[in-house]
Amino acid sequence: MEHNMKKMVKLRIALGLMFVFSVAGCKTPPKMTDDTLVTSTVDGVVISHRYAIKPPAQFSPVNETYRALYPASVMSHPGYGGKVVETLKTGESYTVIGQVENNWLALGESTQAATESQPDNGAATVKDASQSATTKATVKLTGYVPFRALVKSELYDQTVKADQPKRRVRSSKKKTCVAVNGDSTACQNSTNGTWIIN
């Protein structure tokens, strides 16, 4: 009986040590906050973004400078149901990195990382040359805005001018005027009927 007790104690100690070693070897994943940087690949483009910004389902690269037409909200996903990240400033320049679903524009920065592969013997084959010219596009996504909130920089002045209300030319009502003493004229005011001598 005493022998079985010693075996059970040894077994418990062994199991306890195994548990301690197995738990000590486990690493807990880092806690994700809204500001944690993550990467996603969408349509062959590597997109770096904050965890709070949702990656798009579709991505067509644009990489052009646009200017804000009005103070639109920059959203955390391409639609009005997300969180507001920031607000555009009218007339300020922004980089549109791509067009995404729902006809929204993705704002951010574009970076190019060239991948080079050199053969050891110094002689380049056609396959090696095409691989060395391959450029992997990486973009940094900061948020999404509606398509109409921005316009290409070169079209900004023209768009703003065309959007301003047209000045109405006052239609002058027909005045009733008569000559007085040959030099001057007298005209009747159409609103109250009084005569004014010029």
N, C-alpha and C. Protein backbone atom coordinates (compact mmCIF):
# COMPACT_ATOMS: atom_id res chain seq x y z
N MET A 1 0.82 -1.18 0.00
CA MET A 1 0.00 0.00 0.00
C MET A 1 0.87 1.25 0.00
N GLU A 2 1.91 1.19 0.84
CA GLU A 2 2.82 2.31 0.92
C GLU A 2 3.56 2.49 -0.40
N HIS A 3 3.85 1.38 -1.05
CA HIS A 3 4.55 1.41 -2.33
C HIS A 3 3.68 2.10 -3.39
N ASN A 4 2.38 1.77 -3.40
CA ASN A 4 1.45 2.40 -4.36
C ASN A 4 1.31 3.90 -4.09
N MET A 5 1.37 4.29 -2.83
CA MET A 5 1.28 5.70 -2.46
C MET A 5 2.46 6.47 -3.02
N LYS A 6 3.66 5.88 -2.89
CA LYS A 6 4.86 6.55 -3.39
C LYS A 6 4.79 6.70 -4.91
N LYS A 7 4.27 5.68 -5.60
CA LYS A 7 4.12 5.75 -7.06
C LYS A 7 3.15 6.86 -7.46
N MET A 8 2.07 7.00 -6.71
CA MET A 8 1.07 8.03 -7.02
C MET A 8 1.64 9.42 -6.79
N VAL A 9 2.43 9.59 -5.73
CA VAL A 9 3.05 10.88 -5.45
C VAL A 9 4.04 11.22 -6.55
N LYS A 10 4.86 10.22 -6.95
CA LYS A 10 5.82 10.45 -8.03
C LYS A 10 5.10 10.77 -9.33
N LEU A 11 4.01 10.07 -9.59
CA LEU A 11 3.23 10.30 -10.81
C LEU A 11 2.64 11.72 -10.79
N ARG A 12 2.13 12.15 -9.66
CA ARG A 12 1.57 13.51 -9.55
C ARG A 12 2.65 14.57 -9.75
N ILE A 13 3.81 14.34 -9.17
CA ILE A 13 4.92 15.29 -9.34
C ILE A 13 5.33 15.34 -10.81
N ALA A 14 5.42 14.18 -11.46
CA ALA A 14 5.82 14.12 -12.87
C ALA A 14 4.78 14.83 -13.73
N LEU A 15 3.51 14.56 -13.47
CA LEU A 15 2.44 15.22 -14.25
C LEU A 15 2.44 16.72 -14.00
N GLY A 16 2.66 17.12 -12.75
CA GLY A 16 2.72 18.54 -12.43
C GLY A 16 3.86 19.24 -13.15
N LEU A 17 5.04 18.59 -13.18
CA LEU A 17 6.18 19.16 -13.89
C LEU A 17 5.92 19.24 -15.39
N MET A 18 5.30 18.21 -15.95
CA MET A 18 4.97 18.22 -17.39
C MET A 18 4.02 19.38 -17.70
N PHE A 19 3.04 19.60 -16.83
CA PHE A 19 2.10 20.70 -17.03
C PHE A 19 2.81 22.04 -16.98
N VAL A 20 3.69 22.20 -15.96
CA VAL A 20 4.42 23.46 -15.82
C VAL A 20 5.28 23.72 -17.04
N PHE A 21 6.02 22.69 -17.53
CA PHE A 21 6.87 22.87 -18.70
C PHE A 21 6.06 23.14 -19.96
N SER A 22 4.91 22.49 -20.11
CA SER A 22 4.10 22.72 -21.32
C SER A 22 3.48 24.12 -21.31
N VAL A 23 3.06 24.60 -20.14
CA VAL A 23 2.49 25.94 -20.05
C VAL A 23 3.58 26.99 -20.23
N ALA A 24 4.76 26.75 -19.69
CA ALA A 24 5.86 27.70 -19.82
C ALA A 24 6.29 27.86 -21.26
N GLY A 25 6.14 26.82 -22.07
CA GLY A 25 6.54 26.89 -23.48
C GLY A 25 5.53 27.62 -24.35
N CYS A 26 4.31 27.81 -23.87
CA CYS A 26 3.28 28.49 -24.66
C CYS A 26 3.50 29.99 -24.60
N LYS A 27 3.40 30.61 -25.71
CA LYS A 27 3.48 32.07 -25.77
C LYS A 27 2.11 32.61 -26.08
N THR A 28 1.71 33.62 -25.36
CA THR A 28 0.43 34.24 -25.65
C THR A 28 0.63 35.21 -26.80
N PRO A 29 -0.32 35.24 -27.74
CA PRO A 29 -0.18 36.18 -28.86
C PRO A 29 -0.27 37.61 -28.35
N PRO A 30 0.40 38.55 -29.04
CA PRO A 30 0.34 39.94 -28.59
C PRO A 30 -1.09 40.48 -28.67
N LYS A 31 -1.42 41.33 -27.74
CA LYS A 31 -2.76 41.92 -27.72
C LYS A 31 -2.88 42.92 -28.86
N MET A 32 -3.95 42.78 -29.64
CA MET A 32 -4.19 43.66 -30.78
C MET A 32 -4.94 44.91 -30.31
N THR A 33 -4.38 46.06 -30.59
CA THR A 33 -5.06 47.33 -30.31
C THR A 33 -5.38 47.98 -31.66
N ASP A 34 -6.14 49.07 -31.63
CA ASP A 34 -6.49 49.76 -32.87
C ASP A 34 -5.26 50.25 -33.62
N ASP A 35 -4.17 50.56 -32.90
CA ASP A 35 -2.98 51.10 -33.53
C ASP A 35 -1.94 50.04 -33.92
N THR A 36 -2.22 48.77 -33.69
CA THR A 36 -1.31 47.69 -34.07
C THR A 36 -1.24 47.62 -35.60
N LEU A 37 -0.02 47.63 -36.16
CA LEU A 37 0.14 47.54 -37.61
C LEU A 37 0.03 46.10 -38.06
N VAL A 38 -0.79 45.86 -39.08
CA VAL A 38 -0.97 44.54 -39.67
C VAL A 38 -0.84 44.67 -41.18
N THR A 39 -0.64 43.55 -41.87
CA THR A 39 -0.58 43.57 -43.32
C THR A 39 -1.61 42.61 -43.88
N SER A 40 -2.12 42.95 -45.04
CA SER A 40 -3.07 42.12 -45.77
C SER A 40 -2.67 42.15 -47.23
N THR A 41 -2.99 41.09 -47.95
CA THR A 41 -2.74 41.07 -49.39
C THR A 41 -4.09 41.02 -50.10
N VAL A 42 -4.36 42.03 -50.93
CA VAL A 42 -5.61 42.12 -51.66
C VAL A 42 -5.29 42.31 -53.13
N ASP A 43 -5.77 41.43 -53.97
CA ASP A 43 -5.54 41.47 -55.42
C ASP A 43 -4.05 41.61 -55.75
N GLY A 44 -3.18 40.91 -55.02
CA GLY A 44 -1.75 40.90 -55.29
C GLY A 44 -0.98 42.08 -54.73
N VAL A 45 -1.64 42.99 -54.02
CA VAL A 45 -0.98 44.16 -53.44
C VAL A 45 -0.90 43.98 -51.93
N VAL A 46 0.30 44.15 -51.38
CA VAL A 46 0.48 44.06 -49.93
C VAL A 46 0.09 45.40 -49.33
N ILE A 47 -0.88 45.36 -48.42
CA ILE A 47 -1.40 46.57 -47.80
C ILE A 47 -1.06 46.55 -46.31
N SER A 48 -0.37 47.58 -45.86
CA SER A 48 -0.05 47.75 -44.44
C SER A 48 -1.05 48.75 -43.87
N HIS A 49 -1.66 48.41 -42.73
CA HIS A 49 -2.67 49.29 -42.15
C HIS A 49 -2.78 49.06 -40.66
N ARG A 50 -3.38 50.02 -39.97
CA ARG A 50 -3.68 49.85 -38.55
C ARG A 50 -4.76 48.78 -38.41
N TYR A 51 -4.78 48.11 -37.28
CA TYR A 51 -5.76 47.06 -37.02
C TYR A 51 -7.19 47.61 -37.09
N ALA A 52 -7.39 48.89 -36.72
CA ALA A 52 -8.71 49.52 -36.74
C ALA A 52 -9.24 49.71 -38.16
N ILE A 53 -8.35 49.79 -39.14
CA ILE A 53 -8.75 49.98 -40.54
C ILE A 53 -8.94 48.61 -41.17
N LYS A 54 -10.13 48.35 -41.69
CA LYS A 54 -10.43 47.06 -42.31
C LYS A 54 -9.85 47.02 -43.72
N PRO A 55 -9.23 45.91 -44.11
CA PRO A 55 -8.71 45.82 -45.48
C PRO A 55 -9.87 45.71 -46.47
N PRO A 56 -9.68 46.22 -47.69
CA PRO A 56 -10.77 46.16 -48.67
C PRO A 56 -10.93 44.75 -49.24
N ALA A 57 -12.09 44.48 -49.82
CA ALA A 57 -12.32 43.20 -50.49
C ALA A 57 -11.74 43.23 -51.90
N GLN A 58 -11.72 44.41 -52.53
CA GLN A 58 -11.17 44.59 -53.88
C GLN A 58 -10.24 45.79 -53.84
N PHE A 59 -9.21 45.76 -54.71
CA PHE A 59 -8.26 46.87 -54.72
C PHE A 59 -7.72 47.05 -56.14
N SER A 60 -7.93 48.25 -56.70
CA SER A 60 -7.37 48.62 -58.00
C SER A 60 -6.41 49.78 -57.75
N PRO A 61 -5.10 49.60 -57.95
CA PRO A 61 -4.13 50.67 -57.66
C PRO A 61 -4.39 51.93 -58.48
N VAL A 62 -4.23 53.10 -57.83
CA VAL A 62 -4.36 54.40 -58.48
C VAL A 62 -3.06 55.18 -58.31
N ASN A 63 -2.62 55.39 -57.07
CA ASN A 63 -1.37 56.07 -56.72
C ASN A 63 -1.23 57.44 -57.39
N GLU A 64 -2.19 58.32 -57.14
CA GLU A 64 -2.16 59.68 -57.68
C GLU A 64 -2.53 60.68 -56.58
N THR A 65 -2.14 61.93 -56.78
CA THR A 65 -2.45 62.98 -55.82
C THR A 65 -3.81 63.58 -56.16
N TYR A 66 -4.66 63.66 -55.16
CA TYR A 66 -5.99 64.24 -55.29
C TYR A 66 -6.12 65.37 -54.28
N ARG A 67 -7.11 66.25 -54.50
CA ARG A 67 -7.39 67.33 -53.55
C ARG A 67 -8.83 67.22 -53.07
N ALA A 68 -9.05 67.59 -51.82
CA ALA A 68 -10.37 67.48 -51.19
C ALA A 68 -11.29 68.60 -51.67
N LEU A 69 -12.50 68.23 -52.06
CA LEU A 69 -13.49 69.22 -52.48
C LEU A 69 -14.30 69.74 -51.30
N TYR A 70 -14.43 68.96 -50.25
CA TYR A 70 -15.17 69.36 -49.06
C TYR A 70 -14.66 68.56 -47.87
N PRO A 71 -14.99 68.96 -46.66
CA PRO A 71 -14.46 68.27 -45.47
C PRO A 71 -15.17 66.94 -45.20
N ALA A 72 -14.88 65.94 -46.01
CA ALA A 72 -15.48 64.61 -45.87
C ALA A 72 -14.80 63.82 -44.76
N SER A 73 -15.52 62.86 -44.21
CA SER A 73 -14.97 61.99 -43.17
C SER A 73 -14.17 60.86 -43.81
N VAL A 74 -13.00 60.59 -43.26
CA VAL A 74 -12.20 59.43 -43.67
C VAL A 74 -12.65 58.29 -42.78
N MET A 75 -13.15 57.20 -43.37
CA MET A 75 -13.77 56.11 -42.63
C MET A 75 -12.82 54.92 -42.47
N SER A 76 -13.15 54.05 -41.50
CA SER A 76 -12.32 52.87 -41.22
C SER A 76 -12.59 51.72 -42.18
N HIS A 77 -13.69 51.76 -42.91
CA HIS A 77 -13.93 50.80 -43.99
C HIS A 77 -14.75 51.48 -45.08
N PRO A 78 -14.73 50.95 -46.30
CA PRO A 78 -15.38 51.64 -47.42
C PRO A 78 -16.91 51.63 -47.35
N GLY A 79 -17.46 52.48 -46.54
CA GLY A 79 -18.89 52.62 -46.36
C GLY A 79 -19.15 53.55 -45.20
N TYR A 80 -20.39 53.96 -45.03
CA TYR A 80 -20.72 54.92 -43.98
C TYR A 80 -20.93 54.26 -42.62
N GLY A 81 -20.86 52.94 -42.52
CA GLY A 81 -21.10 52.25 -41.26
C GLY A 81 -19.89 52.14 -40.36
N GLY A 82 -18.72 52.56 -40.82
CA GLY A 82 -17.50 52.42 -40.01
C GLY A 82 -17.29 53.60 -39.07
N LYS A 83 -16.08 53.64 -38.51
CA LYS A 83 -15.72 54.73 -37.61
C LYS A 83 -15.01 55.82 -38.40
N VAL A 84 -15.16 57.06 -37.93
CA VAL A 84 -14.48 58.19 -38.55
C VAL A 84 -13.04 58.22 -38.05
N VAL A 85 -12.08 58.17 -38.97
CA VAL A 85 -10.66 58.17 -38.63
C VAL A 85 -10.14 59.60 -38.54
N GLU A 86 -10.49 60.42 -39.51
CA GLU A 86 -10.11 61.83 -39.55
C GLU A 86 -11.04 62.53 -40.52
N THR A 87 -10.86 63.83 -40.70
CA THR A 87 -11.69 64.60 -41.63
C THR A 87 -10.78 65.29 -42.64
N LEU A 88 -11.16 65.23 -43.92
CA LEU A 88 -10.40 65.90 -44.96
C LEU A 88 -10.49 67.41 -44.78
N LYS A 89 -9.45 68.11 -45.18
CA LYS A 89 -9.46 69.57 -45.18
C LYS A 89 -9.63 70.04 -46.61
N THR A 90 -10.60 70.88 -46.85
CA THR A 90 -10.91 71.37 -48.19
C THR A 90 -9.68 71.98 -48.85
N GLY A 91 -9.37 71.53 -50.06
CA GLY A 91 -8.24 72.05 -50.82
C GLY A 91 -6.92 71.37 -50.54
N GLU A 92 -6.80 70.57 -49.47
CA GLU A 92 -5.55 69.89 -49.13
C GLU A 92 -5.32 68.71 -50.09
N SER A 93 -4.05 68.37 -50.29
CA SER A 93 -3.68 67.26 -51.17
C SER A 93 -3.58 65.96 -50.38
N TYR A 94 -4.04 64.87 -50.99
CA TYR A 94 -4.01 63.53 -50.39
C TYR A 94 -3.60 62.54 -51.48
N THR A 95 -2.94 61.45 -51.07
CA THR A 95 -2.55 60.41 -52.01
C THR A 95 -3.62 59.34 -52.02
N VAL A 96 -4.21 59.11 -53.19
CA VAL A 96 -5.18 58.03 -53.36
C VAL A 96 -4.38 56.82 -53.84
N ILE A 97 -4.32 55.78 -53.00
CA ILE A 97 -3.54 54.60 -53.36
C ILE A 97 -4.35 53.61 -54.19
N GLY A 98 -5.67 53.69 -54.13
CA GLY A 98 -6.47 52.76 -54.92
C GLY A 98 -7.95 53.02 -54.83
N GLN A 99 -8.66 52.35 -55.73
CA GLN A 99 -10.13 52.38 -55.71
C GLN A 99 -10.59 51.03 -55.20
N VAL A 100 -11.57 51.03 -54.29
CA VAL A 100 -12.03 49.81 -53.66
C VAL A 100 -13.52 49.63 -53.91
N GLU A 101 -14.10 48.62 -53.25
CA GLU A 101 -15.52 48.34 -53.45
C GLU A 101 -16.40 49.52 -53.06
N ASN A 102 -17.63 49.50 -53.48
CA ASN A 102 -18.62 50.56 -53.23
C ASN A 102 -18.22 51.89 -53.86
N ASN A 103 -17.29 51.87 -54.81
CA ASN A 103 -16.83 53.07 -55.51
C ASN A 103 -16.22 54.08 -54.54
N TRP A 104 -15.47 53.60 -53.55
CA TRP A 104 -14.77 54.45 -52.59
C TRP A 104 -13.30 54.49 -52.94
N LEU A 105 -12.61 55.52 -52.42
CA LEU A 105 -11.18 55.67 -52.66
C LEU A 105 -10.41 55.38 -51.37
N ALA A 106 -9.28 54.68 -51.52
CA ALA A 106 -8.42 54.36 -50.38
C ALA A 106 -7.30 55.39 -50.31
N LEU A 107 -7.12 56.01 -49.14
CA LEU A 107 -6.07 57.00 -48.93
C LEU A 107 -4.87 56.35 -48.25
N GLY A 108 -3.69 56.88 -48.50
CA GLY A 108 -2.50 56.36 -47.84
C GLY A 108 -1.23 56.81 -48.52
N GLU A 109 -0.22 55.94 -48.46
CA GLU A 109 1.09 56.19 -49.07
C GLU A 109 1.48 54.97 -49.88
N SER A 110 2.22 55.19 -50.94
CA SER A 110 2.70 54.08 -51.76
C SER A 110 4.20 53.98 -51.64
N THR A 111 4.70 52.76 -51.48
CA THR A 111 6.14 52.51 -51.44
C THR A 111 6.45 51.39 -52.40
N GLN A 112 7.63 51.41 -52.97
CA GLN A 112 8.06 50.36 -53.90
C GLN A 112 9.25 49.65 -53.30
N ALA A 113 9.21 48.33 -53.27
CA ALA A 113 10.35 47.53 -52.79
C ALA A 113 10.79 46.64 -53.93
N ALA A 114 11.96 46.90 -54.47
CA ALA A 114 12.46 46.11 -55.60
C ALA A 114 13.06 44.82 -55.09
N THR A 115 12.75 43.73 -55.81
CA THR A 115 13.34 42.44 -55.49
C THR A 115 14.37 42.13 -56.55
N GLU A 116 15.57 41.88 -56.12
CA GLU A 116 16.63 41.59 -57.08
C GLU A 116 17.15 40.19 -56.86
N SER A 117 17.43 39.50 -57.96
CA SER A 117 18.05 38.19 -57.85
C SER A 117 19.21 38.15 -58.84
N GLN A 118 20.40 37.94 -58.34
CA GLN A 118 21.60 37.88 -59.17
C GLN A 118 22.11 36.46 -59.21
N PRO A 119 22.37 35.89 -60.40
CA PRO A 119 22.95 34.56 -60.47
C PRO A 119 24.39 34.59 -59.99
N ASP A 120 24.85 33.45 -59.44
CA ASP A 120 26.19 33.37 -58.86
C ASP A 120 27.27 33.52 -59.91
N ASN A 121 27.05 33.03 -61.13
CA ASN A 121 28.12 33.05 -62.13
C ASN A 121 28.21 34.37 -62.90
N GLY A 122 27.33 35.31 -62.62
CA GLY A 122 27.41 36.61 -63.27
C GLY A 122 26.70 36.67 -64.61
N ALA A 123 26.34 35.55 -65.21
CA ALA A 123 25.64 35.55 -66.50
C ALA A 123 24.14 35.56 -66.21
N ALA A 124 23.45 36.51 -66.80
CA ALA A 124 22.01 36.63 -66.57
C ALA A 124 21.26 35.92 -67.67
N THR A 125 20.31 35.11 -67.29
CA THR A 125 19.45 34.48 -68.28
C THR A 125 18.20 35.33 -68.42
N VAL A 126 17.37 35.00 -69.41
CA VAL A 126 16.14 35.76 -69.64
C VAL A 126 15.24 35.66 -68.42
N LYS A 127 15.14 34.48 -67.81
CA LYS A 127 14.30 34.29 -66.64
C LYS A 127 14.82 35.13 -65.47
N ASP A 128 16.14 35.14 -65.24
CA ASP A 128 16.71 35.92 -64.15
C ASP A 128 16.50 37.42 -64.37
N ALA A 129 16.62 37.88 -65.59
CA ALA A 129 16.44 39.31 -65.88
C ALA A 129 15.01 39.74 -65.59
N SER A 130 14.04 38.90 -65.94
CA SER A 130 12.65 39.27 -65.69
C SER A 130 12.36 39.26 -64.20
N GLN A 131 12.98 38.36 -63.45
CA GLN A 131 12.78 38.32 -62.02
C GLN A 131 13.39 39.54 -61.34
N SER A 132 14.56 39.99 -61.82
CA SER A 132 15.21 41.14 -61.18
C SER A 132 14.44 42.43 -61.45
N ALA A 133 13.68 42.48 -62.52
CA ALA A 133 12.90 43.68 -62.82
C ALA A 133 11.57 43.70 -62.08
N THR A 134 11.22 42.58 -61.45
CA THR A 134 9.95 42.52 -60.75
C THR A 134 9.98 43.45 -59.54
N THR A 135 8.94 44.25 -59.41
CA THR A 135 8.82 45.16 -58.28
C THR A 135 7.60 44.77 -57.48
N LYS A 136 7.77 44.64 -56.18
CA LYS A 136 6.65 44.28 -55.32
C LYS A 136 6.09 45.56 -54.73
N ALA A 137 4.82 45.84 -55.01
CA ALA A 137 4.19 47.06 -54.52
C ALA A 137 3.68 46.85 -53.11
N THR A 138 3.97 47.79 -52.24
CA THR A 138 3.45 47.80 -50.88
C THR A 138 2.84 49.16 -50.65
N VAL A 139 1.65 49.18 -50.09
CA VAL A 139 0.99 50.45 -49.82
C VAL A 139 0.60 50.53 -48.35
N LYS A 140 0.58 51.75 -47.84
CA LYS A 140 0.15 51.99 -46.46
C LYS A 140 -1.23 52.64 -46.52
N LEU A 141 -2.22 51.96 -45.98
CA LEU A 141 -3.61 52.40 -46.01
C LEU A 141 -3.94 53.17 -44.75
N THR A 142 -4.55 54.38 -44.91
CA THR A 142 -4.93 55.18 -43.73
C THR A 142 -6.44 55.30 -43.58
N GLY A 143 -7.23 55.05 -44.64
CA GLY A 143 -8.69 55.13 -44.53
C GLY A 143 -9.34 55.25 -45.89
N TYR A 144 -10.66 55.41 -45.88
CA TYR A 144 -11.46 55.44 -47.10
C TYR A 144 -12.35 56.68 -47.15
N VAL A 145 -12.53 57.22 -48.36
CA VAL A 145 -13.43 58.37 -48.56
C VAL A 145 -14.33 58.09 -49.77
N PRO A 146 -15.51 58.73 -49.81
CA PRO A 146 -16.38 58.57 -50.98
C PRO A 146 -15.70 59.13 -52.24
N PHE A 147 -16.05 58.57 -53.37
CA PHE A 147 -15.44 58.93 -54.66
C PHE A 147 -15.56 60.43 -54.96
N ARG A 148 -16.68 61.04 -54.61
CA ARG A 148 -16.92 62.46 -54.97
C ARG A 148 -16.25 63.45 -54.02
N ALA A 149 -15.62 62.97 -52.95
CA ALA A 149 -14.99 63.88 -51.98
C ALA A 149 -13.68 64.45 -52.49
N LEU A 150 -13.07 63.78 -53.47
CA LEU A 150 -11.76 64.19 -53.98
C LEU A 150 -11.80 64.32 -55.50
N VAL A 151 -10.86 65.11 -56.02
CA VAL A 151 -10.70 65.25 -57.45
C VAL A 151 -9.20 65.28 -57.74
N LYS A 152 -8.79 64.81 -58.91
CA LYS A 152 -7.37 64.84 -59.26
C LYS A 152 -6.84 66.26 -59.13
N SER A 153 -5.63 66.37 -58.64
CA SER A 153 -5.04 67.69 -58.36
C SER A 153 -5.08 68.62 -59.57
N GLU A 154 -4.78 68.09 -60.77
CA GLU A 154 -4.73 68.95 -61.94
C GLU A 154 -6.13 69.44 -62.38
N LEU A 155 -7.19 68.80 -61.88
CA LEU A 155 -8.55 69.21 -62.23
C LEU A 155 -9.23 70.02 -61.13
N TYR A 156 -8.53 70.26 -60.02
CA TYR A 156 -9.14 70.90 -58.85
C TYR A 156 -9.68 72.30 -59.16
N ASP A 157 -8.82 73.20 -59.69
CA ASP A 157 -9.25 74.58 -59.94
C ASP A 157 -10.43 74.63 -60.90
N GLN A 158 -10.37 73.84 -61.95
CA GLN A 158 -11.44 73.80 -62.94
C GLN A 158 -12.75 73.30 -62.30
N THR A 159 -12.66 72.29 -61.43
CA THR A 159 -13.85 71.73 -60.79
C THR A 159 -14.47 72.72 -59.82
N VAL A 160 -13.63 73.39 -59.02
CA VAL A 160 -14.14 74.36 -58.06
C VAL A 160 -14.81 75.52 -58.78
N LYS A 161 -14.18 75.99 -59.87
CA LYS A 161 -14.75 77.12 -60.63
C LYS A 161 -16.09 76.72 -61.24
N ALA A 162 -16.18 75.51 -61.78
CA ALA A 162 -17.43 75.06 -62.40
C ALA A 162 -18.52 74.84 -61.37
N ASP A 163 -18.14 74.57 -60.12
CA ASP A 163 -19.11 74.27 -59.07
C ASP A 163 -19.68 75.53 -58.42
N GLN A 164 -19.05 76.69 -58.64
CA GLN A 164 -19.54 77.92 -58.03
C GLN A 164 -20.83 78.35 -58.71
N PRO A 165 -21.75 78.92 -57.93
CA PRO A 165 -23.01 79.36 -58.53
C PRO A 165 -22.77 80.49 -59.52
N LYS A 166 -23.53 80.46 -60.57
CA LYS A 166 -23.41 81.48 -61.61
C LYS A 166 -23.99 82.80 -61.08
N ARG A 167 -23.30 83.88 -61.40
CA ARG A 167 -23.82 85.19 -61.01
C ARG A 167 -24.95 85.56 -61.95
N ARG A 168 -25.99 85.97 -61.35
CA ARG A 168 -27.13 86.37 -62.18
C ARG A 168 -26.96 87.82 -62.59
N VAL A 169 -27.18 88.07 -63.84
CA VAL A 169 -27.13 89.43 -64.35
C VAL A 169 -28.51 90.02 -64.11
N ARG A 170 -28.51 91.15 -63.43
CA ARG A 170 -29.79 91.77 -63.16
C ARG A 170 -30.39 92.27 -64.48
N SER A 171 -31.57 91.82 -64.66
CA SER A 171 -32.22 92.29 -65.87
C SER A 171 -32.79 93.68 -65.57
N SER A 172 -32.30 94.60 -66.30
CA SER A 172 -32.77 95.97 -66.06
C SER A 172 -34.13 96.12 -66.73
N LYS A 173 -35.04 96.56 -65.92
CA LYS A 173 -36.37 96.78 -66.48
C LYS A 173 -36.31 98.00 -67.39
N LYS A 174 -37.17 98.01 -68.32
CA LYS A 174 -37.18 99.11 -69.27
C LYS A 174 -37.54 100.40 -68.54
N LYS A 175 -36.62 101.33 -68.66
CA LYS A 175 -36.84 102.61 -68.00
C LYS A 175 -37.62 103.54 -68.93
N THR A 176 -38.40 104.34 -68.31
CA THR A 176 -39.10 105.37 -69.06
C THR A 176 -38.34 106.66 -68.84
N CYS A 177 -37.71 107.16 -69.90
CA CYS A 177 -36.91 108.37 -69.79
C CYS A 177 -37.39 109.39 -70.83
N VAL A 178 -37.25 110.66 -70.46
CA VAL A 178 -37.59 111.75 -71.38
C VAL A 178 -36.48 112.78 -71.35
N ALA A 179 -36.29 113.49 -72.44
CA ALA A 179 -35.27 114.53 -72.51
C ALA A 179 -35.82 115.79 -71.85
N VAL A 180 -34.92 116.45 -71.06
CA VAL A 180 -35.31 117.68 -70.38
C VAL A 180 -34.33 118.77 -70.80
N ASN A 181 -34.80 119.85 -71.38
CA ASN A 181 -33.98 120.98 -71.82
C ASN A 181 -32.86 120.57 -72.77
N GLY A 182 -32.94 119.48 -73.44
CA GLY A 182 -31.95 119.07 -74.42
C GLY A 182 -30.68 118.48 -73.85
N ASP A 183 -30.21 118.88 -72.64
CA ASP A 183 -28.95 118.39 -72.07
C ASP A 183 -29.15 117.19 -71.14
N SER A 184 -30.18 117.18 -70.41
CA SER A 184 -30.35 116.15 -69.39
C SER A 184 -31.59 115.32 -69.68
N THR A 185 -31.67 114.23 -68.85
CA THR A 185 -32.83 113.35 -69.01
C THR A 185 -33.46 113.13 -67.65
N ALA A 186 -34.71 112.78 -67.68
CA ALA A 186 -35.43 112.42 -66.46
C ALA A 186 -35.97 111.01 -66.68
N CYS A 187 -35.70 110.14 -65.70
CA CYS A 187 -36.14 108.75 -65.81
C CYS A 187 -37.05 108.43 -64.65
N GLN A 188 -38.06 107.62 -64.94
CA GLN A 188 -39.02 107.24 -63.91
C GLN A 188 -38.54 105.94 -63.24
N ASN A 189 -38.50 105.93 -61.91
CA ASN A 189 -38.13 104.75 -61.14
C ASN A 189 -39.28 103.76 -61.23
N SER A 190 -39.00 102.53 -61.66
CA SER A 190 -40.07 101.56 -61.89
C SER A 190 -40.65 101.00 -60.59
N THR A 191 -39.92 101.08 -59.47
CA THR A 191 -40.45 100.51 -58.23
C THR A 191 -41.44 101.42 -57.53
N ASN A 192 -41.13 102.72 -57.48
CA ASN A 192 -42.06 103.61 -56.77
C ASN A 192 -42.64 104.72 -57.63
N GLY A 193 -42.26 104.78 -58.87
CA GLY A 193 -42.85 105.75 -59.80
C GLY A 193 -42.32 107.15 -59.75
N THR A 194 -41.29 107.43 -58.98
CA THR A 194 -40.74 108.78 -58.90
C THR A 194 -39.83 109.04 -60.10
N TRP A 195 -39.73 110.34 -60.44
CA TRP A 195 -38.88 110.75 -61.55
C TRP A 195 -37.56 111.24 -61.03
N ILE A 196 -36.44 110.82 -61.69
CA ILE A 196 -35.11 111.27 -61.29
C ILE A 196 -34.48 111.97 -62.48
N ILE A 197 -33.97 113.21 -62.22
CA ILE A 197 -33.36 113.99 -63.29
C ILE A 197 -31.86 113.75 -63.26
N ASN A 198 -31.32 113.39 -64.40
CA ASN A 198 -29.86 113.17 -64.52
C ASN A 198 -29.18 114.37 -65.10
